[in-house]
Amino acid sequence: MGMTAKQTDILTTADVSRMLDVTTETVRSMNNSGRLLAMRTPGGQRLFRKEDVERFAAKRAKDKRGKRGPTPKQAVTKKKAAKVTKKATTAKGSAKA
C-alpha cells in the first residue's frame, strides 16, 4: 500500500508548519488571510499542495531578504559580537601598555 505521487504532493498543516518553520496557528492564519491556499476535506482539515507551499516559501524568502533587516535575535547576536570584539580589542591594547 504505497503512496502515489499525488498523495505525497499533498501536505497537512503540520507538514507546512515544519517546512516554513512556523507554528500551525501561523499556517492557519496565512490560509485564512488568503496568502497560502489550501483545500478542505469534508471534515474541515486543511490540505496544501506541495508545489504551492514551495512557491510561497520561495517568495517569502525573497521578500524577507529585500524588505527586512535582521530579526531581533540576529540583532542581539550582532550586538553581543560587537561587545566581545570591543572587549578583546581593549584587552589587547591594555596588555601592551
Protein backbone atom coordinates (compact mmCIF):
# COMPACT_ATOMS: atom_id res chain seq x y z
CA MET A 1 0.00 0.00 0.00
CA GLY A 2 2.48 2.66 -1.15
CA MET A 3 1.73 6.32 -1.60
CA THR A 4 1.15 7.61 -5.08
CA ALA A 5 2.90 10.70 -6.40
CA LYS A 6 -0.31 12.68 -5.93
CA GLN A 7 -0.60 11.68 -2.26
CA THR A 8 2.95 12.78 -1.49
CA ASP A 9 2.28 16.17 -3.09
CA ILE A 10 -0.42 16.92 -0.50
CA LEU A 11 0.65 18.37 2.85
CA THR A 12 -1.13 18.80 6.17
CA THR A 13 -0.99 21.93 8.27
CA ALA A 14 1.69 20.29 10.44
CA ASP A 15 3.77 19.41 7.36
CA VAL A 16 3.59 23.01 6.14
CA SER A 17 4.49 24.40 9.55
CA ARG A 18 7.65 22.26 9.58
CA MET A 19 8.55 23.30 6.03
CA LEU A 20 8.14 27.01 6.79
CA ASP A 21 9.46 26.81 10.37
CA VAL A 22 6.33 28.45 11.80
CA THR A 23 3.57 27.29 14.12
CA THR A 24 0.44 25.54 12.89
CA GLU A 25 -1.51 28.59 14.06
CA THR A 26 0.57 30.76 11.72
CA VAL A 27 -0.14 28.39 8.82
CA ARG A 28 -3.88 28.61 9.53
CA SER A 29 -3.63 32.41 9.73
CA MET A 30 -1.79 32.57 6.39
CA ASN A 31 -4.53 30.42 4.87
CA ASN A 32 -7.35 32.47 6.42
CA SER A 33 -5.83 35.69 5.07
CA GLY A 34 -5.51 34.20 1.58
CA ARG A 35 -1.70 34.29 1.45
CA LEU A 36 -1.44 30.50 1.34
CA LEU A 37 -4.07 28.44 -0.50
CA ALA A 38 -5.49 25.22 0.91
CA MET A 39 -8.19 22.68 0.11
CA ARG A 40 -10.58 21.46 2.79
CA THR A 41 -11.59 17.88 3.47
CA PRO A 42 -15.24 17.14 4.33
CA GLY A 43 -14.07 17.01 7.96
CA GLY A 44 -12.57 20.54 7.71
CA GLN A 45 -8.88 19.59 7.63
CA ARG A 46 -6.70 21.89 5.53
CA LEU A 47 -4.62 20.24 2.82
CA PHE A 48 -1.95 22.12 0.91
CA ARG A 49 -0.35 21.35 -2.44
CA LYS A 50 3.40 20.93 -2.01
CA GLU A 51 4.01 22.99 -5.16
CA ASP A 52 2.00 25.94 -3.71
CA VAL A 53 3.87 25.79 -0.40
CA GLU A 54 7.27 25.68 -2.12
CA ARG A 55 6.33 28.67 -4.28
CA PHE A 56 5.08 30.54 -1.20
CA ALA A 57 8.29 29.72 0.71
CA ALA A 58 10.48 30.97 -2.15
CA LYS A 59 8.52 34.22 -2.42
CA ARG A 60 8.57 34.65 1.35
CA ALA A 61 12.36 34.16 1.48
CA LYS A 62 12.84 36.67 -1.33
CA ASP A 63 10.59 39.22 0.40
CA LYS A 64 12.42 38.78 3.71
CA ARG A 65 15.81 39.40 2.11
CA GLY A 66 14.62 42.52 0.34
CA LYS A 67 12.49 44.31 2.92
CA ARG A 68 13.55 43.44 6.43
CA GLY A 69 16.67 43.86 8.47
CA PRO A 70 17.91 41.30 10.95
CA THR A 71 15.46 39.59 13.26
CA PRO A 72 15.57 40.73 16.90
CA LYS A 73 17.57 37.61 17.78
CA GLN A 74 20.08 38.30 15.00
CA ALA A 75 20.38 41.94 16.09
CA VAL A 76 21.12 40.91 19.69
CA THR A 77 23.71 38.39 18.47
CA LYS A 78 25.43 41.09 16.40
CA LYS A 79 25.45 43.46 19.39
CA LYS A 80 26.97 40.75 21.59
CA ALA A 81 29.60 40.00 18.94
CA ALA A 82 30.47 43.69 18.75
CA LYS A 83 30.85 43.86 22.56
CA VAL A 84 33.08 40.79 22.62
CA THR A 85 35.22 42.22 19.80
CA LYS A 86 35.44 45.57 21.59
CA LYS A 87 36.45 43.89 24.87
CA ALA A 88 39.08 41.78 23.09
CA THR A 89 40.49 44.85 21.35
CA THR A 90 40.54 46.80 24.60
CA ALA A 91 42.22 43.92 26.45
CA LYS A 92 44.93 43.69 23.77
CA GLY A 93 45.52 47.44 23.97
CA SER A 94 45.82 47.44 27.76
CA ALA A 95 48.19 44.46 27.71
CA LYS A 96 50.64 46.41 25.53
CA ALA A 97 50.65 49.43 27.83
